[in-house]
Amino acid sequence: MVKRRRLRAILIPLVLYAVSGAAASYFVWHAYNGTRGLKAKEEYKMKIDELQARLDSLQSDRNGWERRVRMMSADSLDRDLLEEQARVTLGRVHKDELIFFYR
């Protein structure tokens, strides 16, 4: 009887510590590696930074195009831009200009 009581006194806390340690390690592992864990948070931050950089690039492109469209409006027609577009479209130059073709 005395041996069983000592055995129970040792084994029951040992089993409880083992079960609680296993449960804690399960939750810690999922907090780090899970779909909403720390690794996923870092991956989301990297993806957000990448998409933000792409958004900034696209916005600057859009601002450039909007500026060019404003220059071509009827109220404030930019002659240089009009001449450039006409040259590109028609493929012509002035009489006194030289064209160099590169291979």
PDB file of N, CA and C in Angstrom:
ATOM      1  N   MET A   1       0.805  -1.192   0.000  1.00  0.00           N
ATOM      2  CA  MET A   1       0.000   0.000   0.000  1.00  0.00           C
ATOM      3  C   MET A   1       0.852   1.262   0.000  1.00  0.00           C
ATOM      4  N   VAL A   2       1.874   1.234   0.800  1.00  0.00           N
ATOM      5  CA  VAL A   2       2.719   2.417   0.912  1.00  0.00           C
ATOM      6  C   VAL A   2       3.437   2.665  -0.409  1.00  0.00           C
ATOM      7  N   LYS A   3       3.832   1.593  -1.084  1.00  0.00           N
ATOM      8  CA  LYS A   3       4.520   1.736  -2.360  1.00  0.00           C
ATOM      9  C   LYS A   3       3.586   2.318  -3.415  1.00  0.00           C
ATOM     10  N   ARG A   4       2.319   1.885  -3.391  1.00  0.00           N
ATOM     11  CA  ARG A   4       1.353   2.417  -4.360  1.00  0.00           C
ATOM     12  C   ARG A   4       1.093   3.896  -4.115  1.00  0.00           C
ATOM     13  N   ARG A   5       0.990   4.275  -2.886  1.00  0.00           N
ATOM     14  CA  ARG A   5       0.748   5.686  -2.577  1.00  0.00           C
ATOM     15  C   ARG A   5       1.934   6.537  -3.023  1.00  0.00           C
ATOM     16  N   ARG A   6       3.131   6.047  -2.801  1.00  0.00           N
ATOM     17  CA  ARG A   6       4.311   6.787  -3.251  1.00  0.00           C
ATOM     18  C   ARG A   6       4.355   6.843  -4.773  1.00  0.00           C
ATOM     19  N   LEU A   7       4.008   5.720  -5.407  1.00  0.00           N
ATOM     20  CA  LEU A   7       4.003   5.661  -6.857  1.00  0.00           C
ATOM     21  C   LEU A   7       2.968   6.641  -7.424  1.00  0.00           C
ATOM     22  N   ARG A   8       1.771   6.656  -6.820  1.00  0.00           N
ATOM     23  CA  ARG A   8       0.735   7.603  -7.250  1.00  0.00           C
ATOM     24  C   ARG A   8       1.167   9.037  -6.981  1.00  0.00           C
ATOM     25  N   ALA A   9       1.796   9.267  -5.875  1.00  0.00           N
ATOM     26  CA  ALA A   9       2.232  10.614  -5.525  1.00  0.00           C
ATOM     27  C   ALA A   9       3.289  11.121  -6.512  1.00  0.00           C
ATOM     28  N   ILE A  10       4.029  10.224  -7.104  1.00  0.00           N
ATOM     29  CA  ILE A  10       5.052  10.616  -8.074  1.00  0.00           C
ATOM     30  C   ILE A  10       4.482  10.637  -9.489  1.00  0.00           C
ATOM     31  N   LEU A  11       3.718   9.626  -9.875  1.00  0.00           N
ATOM     32  CA  LEU A  11       3.240   9.496 -11.251  1.00  0.00           C
ATOM     33  C   LEU A  11       2.154  10.497 -11.624  1.00  0.00           C
ATOM     34  N   ILE A  12       1.211  10.772 -10.738  1.00  0.00           N
ATOM     35  CA  ILE A  12       0.111  11.693 -11.075  1.00  0.00           C
ATOM     36  C   ILE A  12       0.626  13.094 -11.389  1.00  0.00           C
ATOM     37  N   PRO A  13       1.475  13.703 -10.576  1.00  0.00           N
ATOM     38  CA  PRO A  13       2.003  15.012 -10.978  1.00  0.00           C
ATOM     39  C   PRO A  13       2.867  14.939 -12.238  1.00  0.00           C
ATOM     40  N   LEU A  14       3.611  13.830 -12.399  1.00  0.00           N
ATOM     41  CA  LEU A  14       4.445  13.660 -13.572  1.00  0.00           C
ATOM     42  C   LEU A  14       3.597  13.593 -14.846  1.00  0.00           C
ATOM     43  N   VAL A  15       2.503  12.854 -14.802  1.00  0.00           N
ATOM     44  CA  VAL A  15       1.593  12.758 -15.956  1.00  0.00           C
ATOM     45  C   VAL A  15       0.934  14.110 -16.219  1.00  0.00           C
ATOM     46  N   LEU A  16       0.515  14.783 -15.166  1.00  0.00           N
ATOM     47  CA  LEU A  16      -0.111  16.092 -15.349  1.00  0.00           C
ATOM     48  C   LEU A  16       0.868  17.093 -15.957  1.00  0.00           C
ATOM     49  N   TYR A  17       2.123  17.095 -15.498  1.00  0.00           N
ATOM     50  CA  TYR A  17       3.131  17.968 -16.079  1.00  0.00           C
ATOM     51  C   TYR A  17       3.391  17.616 -17.541  1.00  0.00           C
ATOM     52  N   ALA A  18       3.428  16.336 -17.856  1.00  0.00           N
ATOM     53  CA  ALA A  18       3.669  15.912 -19.236  1.00  0.00           C
ATOM     54  C   ALA A  18       2.514  16.334 -20.152  1.00  0.00           C
ATOM     55  N   VAL A  19       1.283  16.149 -19.701  1.00  0.00           N
ATOM     56  CA  VAL A  19       0.122  16.530 -20.511  1.00  0.00           C
ATOM     57  C   VAL A  19       0.066  18.043 -20.684  1.00  0.00           C
ATOM     58  N   SER A  20       0.285  18.781 -19.607  1.00  0.00           N
ATOM     59  CA  SER A  20       0.251  20.236 -19.726  1.00  0.00           C
ATOM     60  C   SER A  20       1.418  20.741 -20.580  1.00  0.00           C
ATOM     61  N   GLY A  21       2.571  20.126 -20.498  1.00  0.00           N
ATOM     62  CA  GLY A  21       3.707  20.489 -21.342  1.00  0.00           C
ATOM     63  C   GLY A  21       3.427  20.199 -22.808  1.00  0.00           C
ATOM     64  N   ALA A  22       2.789  19.061 -23.074  1.00  0.00           N
ATOM     65  CA  ALA A  22       2.433  18.732 -24.461  1.00  0.00           C
ATOM     66  C   ALA A  22       1.407  19.728 -25.005  1.00  0.00           C
ATOM     67  N   ALA A  23       0.415  20.084 -24.208  1.00  0.00           N
ATOM     68  CA  ALA A  23      -0.592  21.059 -24.650  1.00  0.00           C
ATOM     69  C   ALA A  23       0.049  22.428 -24.883  1.00  0.00           C
ATOM     70  N   ALA A  24       0.913  22.837 -23.995  1.00  0.00           N
ATOM     71  CA  ALA A  24       1.582  24.128 -24.155  1.00  0.00           C
ATOM     72  C   ALA A  24       2.470  24.134 -25.393  1.00  0.00           C
ATOM     73  N   SER A  25       3.208  23.051 -25.616  1.00  0.00           N
ATOM     74  CA  SER A  25       4.070  22.989 -26.797  1.00  0.00           C
ATOM     75  C   SER A  25       3.235  22.974 -28.081  1.00  0.00           C
ATOM     76  N   TYR A  26       2.071  22.345 -28.065  1.00  0.00           N
ATOM     77  CA  TYR A  26       1.175  22.348 -29.215  1.00  0.00           C
ATOM     78  C   TYR A  26       0.755  23.779 -29.553  1.00  0.00           C
ATOM     79  N   PHE A  27       0.339  24.522 -28.546  1.00  0.00           N
ATOM     80  CA  PHE A  27      -0.113  25.891 -28.787  1.00  0.00           C
ATOM     81  C   PHE A  27       1.042  26.815 -29.189  1.00  0.00           C
ATOM     82  N   VAL A  28       2.193  26.614 -28.616  1.00  0.00           N
ATOM     83  CA  VAL A  28       3.359  27.432 -28.985  1.00  0.00           C
ATOM     84  C   VAL A  28       3.772  27.151 -30.421  1.00  0.00           C
ATOM     85  N   TRP A  29       3.772  25.872 -30.809  1.00  0.00           N
ATOM     86  CA  TRP A  29       4.135  25.516 -32.178  1.00  0.00           C
ATOM     87  C   TRP A  29       3.174  26.152 -33.175  1.00  0.00           C
ATOM     88  N   HIS A  30       1.877  26.078 -32.897  1.00  0.00           N
ATOM     89  CA  HIS A  30       0.892  26.670 -33.805  1.00  0.00           C
ATOM     90  C   HIS A  30       0.929  28.197 -33.775  1.00  0.00           C
ATOM     91  N   ALA A  31       1.296  28.775 -32.671  1.00  0.00           N
ATOM     92  CA  ALA A  31       1.422  30.236 -32.614  1.00  0.00           C
ATOM     93  C   ALA A  31       2.581  30.713 -33.477  1.00  0.00           C
ATOM     94  N   TYR A  32       3.577  29.881 -33.656  1.00  0.00           N
ATOM     95  CA  TYR A  32       4.722  30.262 -34.476  1.00  0.00           C
ATOM     96  C   TYR A  32       4.554  29.825 -35.938  1.00  0.00           C
ATOM     97  N   ASN A  33       4.113  28.592 -36.181  1.00  0.00           N
ATOM     98  CA  ASN A  33       4.080  28.021 -37.530  1.00  0.00           C
ATOM     99  C   ASN A  33       2.689  27.940 -38.139  1.00  0.00           C
ATOM    100  N   GLY A  34       1.656  28.264 -37.428  1.00  0.00           N
ATOM    101  CA  GLY A  34       0.290  28.099 -37.924  1.00  0.00           C
ATOM    102  C   GLY A  34      -0.067  29.091 -39.017  1.00  0.00           C
ATOM    103  N   THR A  35      -1.304  28.980 -39.525  1.00  0.00           N
ATOM    104  CA  THR A  35      -1.747  29.845 -40.614  1.00  0.00           C
ATOM    105  C   THR A  35      -1.875  31.293 -40.167  1.00  0.00           C
ATOM    106  N   ARG A  36      -2.027  31.527 -38.878  1.00  0.00           N
ATOM    107  CA  ARG A  36      -2.087  32.883 -38.345  1.00  0.00           C
ATOM    108  C   ARG A  36      -0.938  33.144 -37.370  1.00  0.00           C
ATOM    109  N   GLY A  37       0.140  32.410 -37.538  1.00  0.00           N
ATOM    110  CA  GLY A  37       1.268  32.516 -36.619  1.00  0.00           C
ATOM    111  C   GLY A  37       2.238  33.623 -36.994  1.00  0.00           C
ATOM    112  N   LEU A  38       3.378  33.607 -36.324  1.00  0.00           N
ATOM    113  CA  LEU A  38       4.386  34.648 -36.515  1.00  0.00           C
ATOM    114  C   LEU A  38       5.035  34.579 -37.898  1.00  0.00           C
ATOM    115  N   LYS A  39       5.265  33.361 -38.402  1.00  0.00           N
ATOM    116  CA  LYS A  39       5.840  33.228 -39.740  1.00  0.00           C
ATOM    117  C   LYS A  39       4.880  33.773 -40.793  1.00  0.00           C
ATOM    118  N   ALA A  40       3.609  33.449 -40.662  1.00  0.00           N
ATOM    119  CA  ALA A  40       2.616  33.933 -41.621  1.00  0.00           C
ATOM    120  C   ALA A  40       2.508  35.453 -41.557  1.00  0.00           C
ATOM    121  N   LYS A  41       2.626  36.010 -40.366  1.00  0.00           N
ATOM    122  CA  LYS A  41       2.573  37.462 -40.218  1.00  0.00           C
ATOM    123  C   LYS A  41       3.728  38.124 -40.949  1.00  0.00           C
ATOM    124  N   GLU A  42       4.929  37.564 -40.846  1.00  0.00           N
ATOM    125  CA  GLU A  42       6.083  38.106 -41.562  1.00  0.00           C
ATOM    126  C   GLU A  42       5.905  37.982 -43.075  1.00  0.00           C
ATOM    127  N   GLU A  43       5.357  36.844 -43.530  1.00  0.00           N
ATOM    128  CA  GLU A  43       5.117  36.665 -44.957  1.00  0.00           C
ATOM    129  C   GLU A  43       4.091  37.676 -45.455  1.00  0.00           C
ATOM    130  N   TYR A  44       3.061  37.928 -44.662  1.00  0.00           N
ATOM    131  CA  TYR A  44       2.061  38.930 -45.045  1.00  0.00           C
ATOM    132  C   TYR A  44       2.676  40.322 -45.104  1.00  0.00           C
ATOM    133  N   LYS A  45       3.548  40.639 -44.160  1.00  0.00           N
ATOM    134  CA  LYS A  45       4.203  41.947 -44.180  1.00  0.00           C
ATOM    135  C   LYS A  45       5.072  42.105 -45.428  1.00  0.00           C
ATOM    136  N   MET A  46       5.805  41.053 -45.807  1.00  0.00           N
ATOM    137  CA  MET A  46       6.634  41.123 -47.009  1.00  0.00           C
ATOM    138  C   MET A  46       5.765  41.291 -48.251  1.00  0.00           C
ATOM    139  N   LYS A  47       4.666  40.571 -48.303  1.00  0.00           N
ATOM    140  CA  LYS A  47       3.756  40.670 -49.444  1.00  0.00           C
ATOM    141  C   LYS A  47       3.131  42.066 -49.514  1.00  0.00           C
ATOM    142  N   ILE A  48       2.769  42.621 -48.364  1.00  0.00           N
ATOM    143  CA  ILE A  48       2.199  43.969 -48.319  1.00  0.00           C
ATOM    144  C   ILE A  48       3.216  44.988 -48.808  1.00  0.00           C
ATOM    145  N   ASP A  49       4.474  44.857 -48.376  1.00  0.00           N
ATOM    146  CA  ASP A  49       5.521  45.781 -48.830  1.00  0.00           C
ATOM    147  C   ASP A  49       5.729  45.685 -50.335  1.00  0.00           C
ATOM    148  N   GLU A  50       5.724  44.457 -50.861  1.00  0.00           N
ATOM    149  CA  GLU A  50       5.891  44.253 -52.295  1.00  0.00           C
ATOM    150  C   GLU A  50       4.732  44.878 -53.076  1.00  0.00           C
ATOM    151  N   LEU A  51       3.517  44.644 -52.603  1.00  0.00           N
ATOM    152  CA  LEU A  51       2.351  45.201 -53.285  1.00  0.00           C
ATOM    153  C   LEU A  51       2.295  46.722 -53.148  1.00  0.00           C
ATOM    154  N   GLN A  52       2.749  47.253 -52.023  1.00  0.00           N
ATOM    155  CA  GLN A  52       2.773  48.703 -51.836  1.00  0.00           C
ATOM    156  C   GLN A  52       3.757  49.344 -52.805  1.00  0.00           C
ATOM    157  N   ALA A  53       4.913  48.702 -53.000  1.00  0.00           N
ATOM    158  CA  ALA A  53       5.893  49.223 -53.958  1.00  0.00           C
ATOM    159  C   ALA A  53       5.320  49.190 -55.371  1.00  0.00           C
ATOM    160  N   ARG A  54       4.622  48.119 -55.706  1.00  0.00           N
ATOM    161  CA  ARG A  54       3.997  48.029 -57.032  1.00  0.00           C
ATOM    162  C   ARG A  54       2.918  49.087 -57.187  1.00  0.00           C
ATOM    163  N   LEU A  55       2.130  49.313 -56.139  1.00  0.00           N
ATOM    164  CA  LEU A  55       1.094  50.342 -56.185  1.00  0.00           C
ATOM    165  C   LEU A  55       1.699  51.724 -56.388  1.00  0.00           C
ATOM    166  N   ASP A  56       2.788  52.010 -55.670  1.00  0.00           N
ATOM    167  CA  ASP A  56       3.460  53.306 -55.833  1.00  0.00           C
ATOM    168  C   ASP A  56       3.963  53.491 -57.262  1.00  0.00           C
ATOM    169  N   SER A  57       4.519  52.431 -57.836  1.00  0.00           N
ATOM    170  CA  SER A  57       5.001  52.496 -59.211  1.00  0.00           C
ATOM    171  C   SER A  57       3.856  52.748 -60.179  1.00  0.00           C
ATOM    172  N   LEU A  58       2.759  52.035 -59.993  1.00  0.00           N
ATOM    173  CA  LEU A  58       1.611  52.221 -60.880  1.00  0.00           C
ATOM    174  C   LEU A  58       0.985  53.603 -60.720  1.00  0.00           C
ATOM    175  N   GLN A  59       0.978  54.118 -59.509  1.00  0.00           N
ATOM    176  CA  GLN A  59       0.431  55.454 -59.301  1.00  0.00           C
ATOM    177  C   GLN A  59       1.301  56.515 -59.960  1.00  0.00           C
ATOM    178  N   SER A  60       2.621  56.336 -59.894  1.00  0.00           N
ATOM    179  CA  SER A  60       3.495  57.311 -60.565  1.00  0.00           C
ATOM    180  C   SER A  60       3.312  57.232 -62.080  1.00  0.00           C
ATOM    181  N   ASP A  61       3.137  56.010 -62.624  1.00  0.00           N
ATOM    182  CA  ASP A  61       2.855  55.880 -64.053  1.00  0.00           C
ATOM    183  C   ASP A  61       1.545  56.568 -64.415  1.00  0.00           C
ATOM    184  N   ARG A  62       0.554  56.361 -63.590  1.00  0.00           N
ATOM    185  CA  ARG A  62      -0.746  56.978 -63.854  1.00  0.00           C
ATOM    186  C   ARG A  62      -0.653  58.504 -63.792  1.00  0.00           C
ATOM    187  N   ASN A  63       0.079  59.024 -62.811  1.00  0.00           N
ATOM    188  CA  ASN A  63       0.246  60.477 -62.716  1.00  0.00           C
ATOM    189  C   ASN A  63       0.938  61.030 -63.963  1.00  0.00           C
ATOM    190  N   GLY A  64       1.917  60.306 -64.465  1.00  0.00           N
ATOM    191  CA  GLY A  64       2.594  60.725 -65.691  1.00  0.00           C
ATOM    192  C   GLY A  64       1.646  60.757 -66.880  1.00  0.00           C
ATOM    193  N   TRP A  65       0.837  59.700 -67.002  1.00  0.00           N
ATOM    194  CA  TRP A  65      -0.126  59.668 -68.103  1.00  0.00           C
ATOM    195  C   TRP A  65      -1.181  60.754 -67.950  1.00  0.00           C
ATOM    196  N   GLU A  66      -1.640  60.981 -66.735  1.00  0.00           N
ATOM    197  CA  GLU A  66      -2.626  62.039 -66.527  1.00  0.00           C
ATOM    198  C   GLU A  66      -2.044  63.412 -66.880  1.00  0.00           C
ATOM    199  N   ARG A  67      -0.780  63.631 -66.543  1.00  0.00           N
ATOM    200  CA  ARG A  67      -0.120  64.893 -66.884  1.00  0.00           C
ATOM    201  C   ARG A  67      -0.035  65.055 -68.402  1.00  0.00           C
ATOM    202  N   ARG A  68       0.311  63.987 -69.099  1.00  0.00           N
ATOM    203  CA  ARG A  68       0.391  64.055 -70.562  1.00  0.00           C
ATOM    204  C   ARG A  68      -0.971  64.307 -71.186  1.00  0.00           C
ATOM    205  N   VAL A  69      -2.011  63.705 -70.633  1.00  0.00           N
ATOM    206  CA  VAL A  69      -3.361  63.920 -71.156  1.00  0.00           C
ATOM    207  C   VAL A  69      -3.798  65.361 -70.908  1.00  0.00           C
ATOM    208  N   ARG A  70      -3.468  65.878 -69.729  1.00  0.00           N
ATOM    209  CA  ARG A  70      -3.809  67.284 -69.444  1.00  0.00           C
ATOM    210  C   ARG A  70      -3.095  68.226 -70.408  1.00  0.00           C
ATOM    211  N   MET A  71      -1.857  67.894 -70.776  1.00  0.00           N
ATOM    212  CA  MET A  71      -1.116  68.729 -71.709  1.00  0.00           C
ATOM    213  C   MET A  71      -1.741  68.705 -73.101  1.00  0.00           C
ATOM    214  N   MET A  72      -2.409  67.623 -73.454  1.00  0.00           N
ATOM    215  CA  MET A  72      -3.007  67.509 -74.775  1.00  0.00           C
ATOM    216  C   MET A  72      -4.452  67.996 -74.812  1.00  0.00           C
ATOM    217  N   SER A  73      -4.957  68.526 -73.723  1.00  0.00           N
ATOM    218  CA  SER A  73      -6.333  69.026 -73.735  1.00  0.00           C
ATOM    219  C   SER A  73      -6.411  70.287 -74.592  1.00  0.00           C
ATOM    220  N   ALA A  74      -7.593  70.629 -74.998  1.00  0.00           N
ATOM    221  CA  ALA A  74      -7.789  71.761 -75.912  1.00  0.00           C
ATOM    222  C   ALA A  74      -7.447  73.095 -75.256  1.00  0.00           C
ATOM    223  N   ASP A  75      -7.614  73.221 -73.956  1.00  0.00           N
ATOM    224  CA  ASP A  75      -7.352  74.483 -73.271  1.00  0.00           C
ATOM    225  C   ASP A  75      -5.863  74.822 -73.231  1.00  0.00           C
ATOM    226  N   SER A  76      -5.047  73.845 -72.932  1.00  0.00           N
ATOM    227  CA  SER A  76      -3.611  74.113 -72.798  1.00  0.00           C
ATOM    228  C   SER A  76      -2.833  73.082 -73.606  1.00  0.00           C
ATOM    229  N   LEU A  77      -2.819  73.254 -74.895  1.00  0.00           N
ATOM    230  CA  LEU A  77      -2.145  72.318 -75.783  1.00  0.00           C
ATOM    231  C   LEU A  77      -0.646  72.594 -75.779  1.00  0.00           C
ATOM    232  N   ASP A  78       0.140  71.601 -75.430  1.00  0.00           N
ATOM    233  CA  ASP A  78       1.595  71.728 -75.420  1.00  0.00           C
ATOM    234  C   ASP A  78       2.113  71.410 -76.824  1.00  0.00           C
ATOM    235  N   ARG A  79       2.703  72.387 -77.475  1.00  0.00           N
ATOM    236  CA  ARG A  79       3.128  72.221 -78.868  1.00  0.00           C
ATOM    237  C   ARG A  79       4.238  71.181 -79.007  1.00  0.00           C
ATOM    238  N   ASP A  80       5.126  71.123 -78.044  1.00  0.00           N
ATOM    239  CA  ASP A  80       6.208  70.134 -78.115  1.00  0.00           C
ATOM    240  C   ASP A  80       5.662  68.714 -78.053  1.00  0.00           C
ATOM    241  N   LEU A  81       4.713  68.490 -77.168  1.00  0.00           N
ATOM    242  CA  LEU A  81       4.124  67.159 -77.044  1.00  0.00           C
ATOM    243  C   LEU A  81       3.344  66.809 -78.306  1.00  0.00           C
ATOM    244  N   LEU A  82       2.630  67.769 -78.861  1.00  0.00           N
ATOM    245  CA  LEU A  82       1.884  67.528 -80.092  1.00  0.00           C
ATOM    246  C   LEU A  82       2.824  67.204 -81.242  1.00  0.00           C
ATOM    247  N   GLU A  83       3.917  67.943 -81.342  1.00  0.00           N
ATOM    248  CA  GLU A  83       4.885  67.703 -82.400  1.00  0.00           C
ATOM    249  C   GLU A  83       5.540  66.327 -82.239  1.00  0.00           C
ATOM    250  N   GLU A  84       5.860  65.977 -81.013  1.00  0.00           N
ATOM    251  CA  GLU A  84       6.463  64.669 -80.757  1.00  0.00           C
ATOM    252  C   GLU A  84       5.522  63.542 -81.160  1.00  0.00           C
ATOM    253  N   GLN A  85       4.268  63.671 -80.797  1.00  0.00           N
ATOM    254  CA  GLN A  85       3.294  62.628 -81.149  1.00  0.00           C
ATOM    255  C   GLN A  85       3.082  62.556 -82.660  1.00  0.00           C
ATOM    256  N   ALA A  86       3.064  63.708 -83.319  1.00  0.00           N
ATOM    257  CA  ALA A  86       2.905  63.718 -84.776  1.00  0.00           C
ATOM    258  C   ALA A  86       4.095  63.050 -85.447  1.00  0.00           C
ATOM    259  N   ARG A  87       5.294  63.306 -84.965  1.00  0.00           N
ATOM    260  CA  ARG A  87       6.484  62.675 -85.537  1.00  0.00           C
ATOM    261  C   ARG A  87       6.456  61.166 -85.349  1.00  0.00           C
ATOM    262  N   VAL A  88       6.067  60.733 -84.176  1.00  0.00           N
ATOM    263  CA  VAL A  88       6.018  59.290 -83.923  1.00  0.00           C
ATOM    264  C   VAL A  88       4.958  58.648 -84.800  1.00  0.00           C
ATOM    265  N   THR A  89       3.813  59.292 -84.920  1.00  0.00           N
ATOM    266  CA  THR A  89       2.718  58.717 -85.692  1.00  0.00           C
ATOM    267  C   THR A  89       3.015  58.729 -87.195  1.00  0.00           C
ATOM    268  N   LEU A  90       3.482  59.846 -87.700  1.00  0.00           N
ATOM    269  CA  LEU A  90       3.711  59.979 -89.138  1.00  0.00           C
ATOM    270  C   LEU A  90       5.082  59.506 -89.581  1.00  0.00           C
ATOM    271  N   GLY A  91       6.042  59.467 -88.669  1.00  0.00           N
ATOM    272  CA  GLY A  91       7.388  59.033 -89.007  1.00  0.00           C
ATOM    273  C   GLY A  91       8.137  60.064 -89.834  1.00  0.00           C
ATOM    274  N   ARG A  92       7.898  61.338 -89.602  1.00  0.00           N
ATOM    275  CA  ARG A  92       8.521  62.401 -90.382  1.00  0.00           C
ATOM    276  C   ARG A  92       9.353  63.304 -89.485  1.00  0.00           C
ATOM    277  N   VAL A  93      10.257  64.041 -90.142  1.00  0.00           N
ATOM    278  CA  VAL A  93      11.095  65.008 -89.445  1.00  0.00           C
ATOM    279  C   VAL A  93      11.166  66.280 -90.284  1.00  0.00           C
ATOM    280  N   HIS A  94      11.805  67.318 -89.752  1.00  0.00           N
ATOM    281  CA  HIS A  94      12.006  68.560 -90.500  1.00  0.00           C
ATOM    282  C   HIS A  94      13.057  68.364 -91.584  1.00  0.00           C
ATOM    283  N   LYS A  95      13.159  69.358 -92.490  1.00  0.00           N
ATOM    284  CA  LYS A  95      14.105  69.269 -93.598  1.00  0.00           C
ATOM    285  C   LYS A  95      15.553  69.297 -93.129  1.00  0.00           C
ATOM    286  N   ASP A  96      15.829  70.077 -92.109  1.00  0.00           N
ATOM    287  CA  ASP A  96      17.214  70.252 -91.680  1.00  0.00           C
ATOM    288  C   ASP A  96      17.648  69.277 -90.587  1.00  0.00           C
ATOM    289  N   GLU A  97      16.893  68.267 -90.286  1.00  0.00           N
ATOM    290  CA  GLU A  97      17.252  67.292 -89.240  1.00  0.00           C
ATOM    291  C   GLU A  97      17.887  66.057 -89.867  1.00  0.00           C
ATOM    292  N   LEU A  98      18.780  65.431 -89.112  1.00  0.00           N
ATOM    293  CA  LEU A  98      19.445  64.210 -89.556  1.00  0.00           C
ATOM    294  C   LEU A  98      18.912  63.026 -88.765  1.00  0.00           C
ATOM    295  N   ILE A  99      18.791  61.898 -89.415  1.00  0.00           N
ATOM    296  CA  ILE A  99      18.336  60.666 -88.755  1.00  0.00           C
ATOM    297  C   ILE A  99      19.453  59.646 -88.871  1.00  0.00           C
ATOM    298  N   PHE A 100      19.827  59.037 -87.757  1.00  0.00           N
ATOM    299  CA  PHE A 100      20.837  57.992 -87.735  1.00  0.00           C
ATOM    300  C   PHE A 100      20.160  56.683 -87.398  1.00  0.00           C
ATOM    301  N   PHE A 101      20.329  55.690 -88.232  1.00  0.00           N
ATOM    302  CA  PHE A 101      19.751  54.382 -87.996  1.00  0.00           C
ATOM    303  C   PHE A 101      20.831  53.470 -87.415  1.00  0.00           C
ATOM    304  N   TYR A 102      20.487  52.802 -86.333  1.00  0.00           N
ATOM    305  CA  TYR A 102      21.395  51.851 -85.684  1.00  0.00           C
ATOM    306  C   TYR A 102      20.885  50.449 -85.918  1.00  0.00           C
ATOM    307  N   ARG A 103      21.816  49.513 -86.059  1.00  0.00           N
ATOM    308  CA  ARG A 103      21.420  48.124 -86.242  1.00  0.00           C
ATOM    309  C   ARG A 103      21.117  47.480 -84.927  1.00  0.00           C
TER     310      ARG A 103
END
